[in-house]
Amino acid sequence: MQQRIAEIVAEMDVPLHCRTEFSTQEEEQLRAQGSTDYFLSSGDKIRFFFEKGVFDKKGNFLVPPEKAINKIGHALHAHDPVFKRVTHSPKMQALARSLGLQMPVVVQSMYIFKQPHFGGEVSSHQDASFLYTEPLGRVLGLWMALEDATLENGCLWFIPGSHTGGVARRMVRAPAGSVPGTSFLGSEPARDNSLFVPTPVRRGALVLIHGEVVHKSELNLSDRSRQAYTLHLMEASGTTWSPENWLQPTAELPFPALYT
């Protein structure tokens, strides 16, 4: 996966208007992501999202392109043969079956770089805020460490038991053509930092993330990146995917079944 992503990055041709800064603070999220069709239409494509401050005002890179990327999303699992093979590997299918998933579908995938020195923090959130279903409890994140994730380079942190309290906030699509393209319903409550437990893992580890568990990661201040491949599954049996989610299946890419 690391080898393949290096090739994808080396071949990447990023149009100037697509040089979208990816951010986690709420207003910036609305401005940078929501107002950008590039983000909203990335659910069935392989697209590039960048760290803050890596472009000058004219949109030229201030750092090497491979050090500028925050993530690549959101359909590597469908369009790239290497990621498709990993996503649907016998191991992954066996894991989903062992968890009792009847009709799991892949809703999105991301390659996360967490660059050295400025790999951005991801503020505390629940995945179901962005990937909402009825009933809740039908979305599962699979997070694969492609490099060691440590306290220094921005490993995941979780609040144990927080998956039982419902969803505090939802990001929804605004009516077509409006700016920004998304808005938030509700708000993230202030959360006591001491509740978070760090989850450092070694390269090759897989972390399963309940759709409603509260988690975050800190800024990477180390000199090592913390790359990960992550994807989200939904149990499609008896589940309604919210039509208000930013991410929607398309005619070109209905959510593919995990089981082959």
Protein backbone atom coordinates (compact mmCIF):
# COMPACT_ATOMS: atom_id res chain seq x y z
CA MET A 1 0.00 0.00 0.00
CA GLN A 2 2.81 2.42 0.86
CA GLN A 3 4.57 1.65 -2.40
CA ARG A 4 1.38 2.11 -4.40
CA ILE A 5 0.52 5.40 -2.70
CA ALA A 6 3.99 6.75 -3.50
CA GLU A 7 3.27 6.01 -7.17
CA ILE A 8 -0.14 7.68 -7.00
CA VAL A 9 1.39 10.78 -5.39
CA ALA A 10 4.23 10.90 -7.91
CA GLU A 11 1.68 10.86 -10.75
CA MET A 12 -0.73 13.29 -9.11
CA ASP A 13 -1.66 16.30 -11.17
CA VAL A 14 -3.49 18.71 -8.93
CA PRO A 15 -5.42 21.45 -10.72
CA LEU A 16 -4.94 24.82 -9.04
CA HIS A 17 -8.62 25.21 -8.20
CA CYS A 18 -8.49 21.85 -6.42
CA ARG A 19 -5.80 22.80 -3.96
CA THR A 20 -8.21 22.48 -1.10
CA GLU A 21 -6.86 22.92 2.42
CA PHE A 22 -8.20 20.25 4.74
CA SER A 23 -8.98 21.41 8.27
CA THR A 24 -10.70 20.21 11.41
CA GLN A 25 -11.93 23.40 13.05
CA GLU A 26 -15.64 23.80 12.50
CA GLU A 27 -15.83 27.08 10.54
CA GLU A 28 -12.81 26.20 8.47
CA GLN A 29 -14.31 22.79 7.80
CA LEU A 30 -17.40 24.51 6.47
CA ARG A 31 -15.43 26.99 4.42
CA ALA A 32 -12.71 24.73 3.05
CA GLN A 33 -14.65 21.52 2.57
CA GLY A 34 -18.26 22.49 2.31
CA SER A 35 -17.83 25.33 -0.14
CA THR A 36 -15.75 23.07 -2.36
CA ASP A 37 -17.38 20.81 -4.88
CA TYR A 38 -14.07 19.00 -5.07
CA PHE A 39 -14.65 17.58 -1.60
CA LEU A 40 -18.39 17.00 -1.98
CA SER A 41 -17.96 15.08 -5.21
CA SER A 42 -14.99 12.98 -4.02
CA GLY A 43 -17.01 10.05 -2.66
CA ASP A 44 -16.60 7.98 -5.83
CA LYS A 45 -13.16 9.26 -6.86
CA ILE A 46 -9.50 9.31 -5.83
CA ARG A 47 -8.80 12.88 -4.75
CA PHE A 48 -6.13 14.78 -2.86
CA PHE A 49 -6.52 16.92 0.27
CA PHE A 50 -3.70 19.01 1.66
CA GLU A 51 -2.34 20.30 4.96
CA LYS A 52 -2.67 23.96 5.88
CA GLY A 53 0.04 26.34 4.79
CA VAL A 54 1.64 24.16 2.12
CA PHE A 55 0.73 26.47 -0.79
CA ASP A 56 1.67 30.06 -1.46
CA LYS A 57 -1.05 32.53 -2.43
CA LYS A 58 -0.71 31.49 -6.06
CA GLY A 59 -1.29 27.83 -5.25
CA ASN A 60 2.30 26.65 -5.70
CA PHE A 61 3.75 24.09 -3.30
CA LEU A 62 5.92 25.47 -0.49
CA VAL A 63 7.02 21.94 0.48
CA PRO A 64 7.57 18.81 -1.64
CA PRO A 65 4.15 17.56 -2.84
CA GLU A 66 4.54 14.20 -1.08
CA LYS A 67 4.99 16.10 2.22
CA ALA A 68 2.01 18.38 1.56
CA ILE A 69 -0.78 15.81 1.49
CA ASN A 70 -3.10 15.30 4.45
CA LYS A 71 -5.14 12.49 2.90
CA ILE A 72 -6.34 10.84 -0.27
CA GLY A 73 -10.04 9.96 -0.46
CA HIS A 74 -12.59 8.61 -0.76
CA ALA A 75 -12.70 5.68 -3.19
CA LEU A 76 -9.26 4.07 -3.34
CA HIS A 77 -11.06 0.85 -2.38
CA ALA A 78 -13.02 0.91 -5.63
CA HIS A 79 -10.64 2.41 -8.17
CA ASP A 80 -7.15 1.25 -7.25
CA PRO A 81 -6.31 -2.45 -7.72
CA VAL A 82 -3.94 -2.62 -4.74
CA PHE A 83 -6.38 -1.02 -2.31
CA LYS A 84 -9.28 -2.97 -3.77
CA ARG A 85 -7.40 -6.21 -3.13
CA VAL A 86 -6.58 -5.26 0.47
CA THR A 87 -10.14 -4.06 1.16
CA HIS A 88 -11.73 -7.29 -0.06
CA SER A 89 -8.96 -9.60 1.16
CA PRO A 90 -9.97 -12.95 2.71
CA LYS A 91 -8.70 -11.60 6.06
CA MET A 92 -11.03 -8.59 5.91
CA GLN A 93 -13.99 -10.68 4.83
CA ALA A 94 -13.33 -13.22 7.60
CA LEU A 95 -13.08 -10.40 10.15
CA ALA A 96 -16.43 -8.93 9.08
CA ARG A 97 -18.07 -12.37 9.23
CA SER A 98 -16.63 -12.97 12.71
CA LEU A 99 -18.33 -9.73 13.80
CA GLY A 100 -21.65 -11.01 12.48
CA LEU A 101 -21.97 -8.57 9.59
CA GLN A 102 -24.56 -9.89 7.15
CA MET A 103 -24.34 -7.47 4.21
CA PRO A 104 -21.40 -5.15 4.81
CA VAL A 105 -20.79 -2.52 2.13
CA VAL A 106 -17.77 -0.23 1.82
CA VAL A 107 -18.87 3.41 2.06
CA GLN A 108 -15.51 5.16 1.91
CA SER A 109 -11.77 4.77 2.25
CA MET A 110 -8.94 7.17 3.04
CA TYR A 111 -5.17 7.07 3.02
CA ILE A 112 -4.02 9.32 5.85
CA PHE A 113 -0.45 10.64 5.86
CA LYS A 114 -0.10 12.49 9.19
CA GLN A 115 3.03 14.25 7.97
CA PRO A 116 6.05 14.84 10.24
CA HIS A 117 6.19 18.21 12.05
CA PHE A 118 2.85 19.52 10.79
CA GLY A 119 0.49 16.58 10.29
CA GLY A 120 -2.69 18.23 11.52
CA GLU A 121 -4.65 17.27 14.61
CA VAL A 122 -8.08 15.72 14.16
CA SER A 123 -10.31 17.18 16.85
CA SER A 124 -12.60 14.90 18.85
CA HIS A 125 -15.49 13.53 16.83
CA GLN A 126 -17.73 10.53 16.13
CA ASP A 127 -17.61 9.00 12.65
CA ALA A 128 -21.42 8.74 12.67
CA SER A 129 -21.57 12.56 12.68
CA PHE A 130 -20.45 12.35 9.05
CA LEU A 131 -21.71 8.86 8.14
CA TYR A 132 -25.16 8.81 9.74
CA THR A 133 -27.49 5.81 9.58
CA GLU A 134 -30.85 4.77 10.94
CA PRO A 135 -30.68 2.87 13.15
CA LEU A 136 -27.34 3.97 14.59
CA GLY A 137 -24.67 1.38 15.32
CA ARG A 138 -24.36 0.19 11.71
CA VAL A 139 -21.08 1.90 10.76
CA LEU A 140 -17.66 0.44 11.57
CA GLY A 141 -14.27 2.02 10.91
CA LEU A 142 -11.27 -0.19 10.10
CA TRP A 143 -8.02 1.67 10.68
CA MET A 144 -4.81 0.00 9.52
CA ALA A 145 -1.48 1.30 10.77
CA LEU A 146 0.99 1.34 7.87
CA GLU A 147 3.61 2.80 10.21
CA ASP A 148 3.97 2.68 13.99
CA ALA A 149 1.48 5.07 15.61
CA THR A 150 3.01 6.54 18.77
CA LEU A 151 2.27 9.23 21.34
CA GLU A 152 4.82 11.42 19.56
CA ASN A 153 3.54 11.09 15.99
CA GLY A 154 -0.19 11.41 16.63
CA CYS A 155 -1.73 8.03 17.53
CA LEU A 156 -5.49 7.68 18.04
CA TRP A 157 -7.11 8.56 21.40
CA PHE A 158 -10.54 7.25 22.52
CA ILE A 159 -13.04 7.89 25.30
CA PRO A 160 -13.94 4.37 26.54
CA GLY A 161 -17.69 3.75 26.65
CA SER A 162 -18.52 6.90 24.65
CA HIS A 163 -20.18 4.84 21.90
CA THR A 164 -23.32 4.51 24.06
CA GLY A 165 -24.34 8.17 24.29
CA GLY A 166 -25.84 8.85 20.87
CA VAL A 167 -24.54 11.33 18.28
CA ALA A 168 -23.99 14.93 19.39
CA ARG A 169 -23.52 16.57 16.01
CA ARG A 170 -24.23 15.84 12.36
CA MET A 171 -22.72 17.24 9.21
CA VAL A 172 -25.41 17.44 6.52
CA ARG A 173 -25.43 18.41 2.88
CA ALA A 174 -26.96 21.79 2.14
CA PRO A 175 -29.38 22.10 -0.81
CA ALA A 176 -27.53 21.76 -4.12
CA GLY A 177 -25.72 24.89 -5.21
CA SER A 178 -25.66 26.60 -1.83
CA VAL A 179 -22.45 27.84 -0.22
CA PRO A 180 -21.15 26.41 1.99
CA GLY A 181 -22.17 22.96 0.74
CA THR A 182 -22.56 21.47 4.22
CA SER A 183 -23.74 22.57 7.64
CA PHE A 184 -23.73 21.16 11.16
CA LEU A 185 -26.75 20.18 13.25
CA GLY A 186 -25.99 20.25 16.96
CA SER A 187 -22.49 20.81 18.31
CA GLU A 188 -19.64 18.84 19.83
CA PRO A 189 -19.89 19.05 23.61
CA ALA A 190 -16.81 20.19 25.53
CA ARG A 191 -15.05 16.99 26.49
CA ASP A 192 -12.69 16.55 29.39
CA ASN A 193 -9.25 15.75 27.97
CA SER A 194 -8.50 13.43 30.87
CA LEU A 195 -11.21 11.03 29.60
CA PHE A 196 -9.19 10.19 26.47
CA VAL A 197 -7.01 7.07 26.44
CA PRO A 198 -4.17 6.85 23.90
CA THR A 199 -3.96 3.84 21.58
CA PRO A 200 -0.41 3.53 20.26
CA VAL A 201 -0.09 0.58 17.87
CA ARG A 202 2.64 -1.03 15.80
CA ARG A 203 2.81 -1.08 12.02
CA GLY A 204 0.40 -3.71 10.68
CA ALA A 205 -2.10 -3.37 13.52
CA LEU A 206 -5.81 -3.00 12.78
CA VAL A 207 -7.99 -0.82 15.00
CA LEU A 208 -11.78 -1.32 14.83
CA ILE A 209 -13.66 1.92 15.48
CA HIS A 210 -17.34 1.91 16.47
CA GLY A 211 -19.23 4.57 14.52
CA GLU A 212 -20.24 6.43 17.68
CA VAL A 213 -17.08 6.18 19.81
CA VAL A 214 -15.49 9.58 20.47
CA HIS A 215 -11.91 9.74 19.22
CA LYS A 216 -9.23 12.18 18.11
CA SER A 217 -5.56 12.41 17.21
CA GLU A 218 -3.03 15.09 18.11
CA LEU A 219 -0.67 17.10 15.93
CA ASN A 220 2.33 15.14 14.69
CA LEU A 221 5.31 17.03 16.10
CA SER A 222 7.77 14.17 15.53
CA ASP A 223 10.02 13.68 12.54
CA ARG A 224 8.23 10.47 11.48
CA SER A 225 4.96 10.24 9.54
CA ARG A 226 2.06 8.11 10.78
CA GLN A 227 0.48 6.69 7.65
CA ALA A 228 -2.74 4.70 7.83
CA TYR A 229 -5.29 3.19 5.48
CA THR A 230 -8.80 3.48 6.83
CA LEU A 231 -12.18 2.42 5.49
CA HIS A 232 -15.75 2.42 6.74
CA LEU A 233 -18.21 -0.43 6.47
CA MET A 234 -21.96 -0.21 6.86
CA GLU A 235 -24.19 -3.16 7.67
CA ALA A 236 -26.62 -2.66 4.79
CA SER A 237 -29.17 -5.20 6.02
CA GLY A 238 -32.06 -3.30 7.63
CA THR A 239 -30.18 0.02 7.53
CA THR A 240 -31.03 3.38 5.97
CA TRP A 241 -28.07 5.52 4.87
CA SER A 242 -29.04 9.13 5.58
CA PRO A 243 -29.83 11.03 2.37
CA GLU A 244 -28.44 14.10 4.20
CA ASN A 245 -24.91 12.68 4.52
CA TRP A 246 -22.26 14.52 2.51
CA LEU A 247 -21.20 11.17 1.03
CA GLN A 248 -23.74 9.50 -1.24
CA PRO A 249 -23.55 6.40 -3.42
CA THR A 250 -23.64 7.29 -7.12
CA ALA A 251 -24.75 5.54 -10.29
CA GLU A 252 -21.04 5.15 -11.15
CA LEU A 253 -20.24 3.76 -7.70
CA PRO A 254 -22.98 2.22 -5.59
CA PHE A 255 -21.48 1.16 -2.23
CA PRO A 256 -19.70 -2.11 -3.10
CA ALA A 257 -20.40 -5.27 -1.11
CA LEU A 258 -17.42 -6.35 1.02
CA TYR A 259 -18.11 -10.05 0.45
CA THR A 260 -17.03 -11.23 -2.97
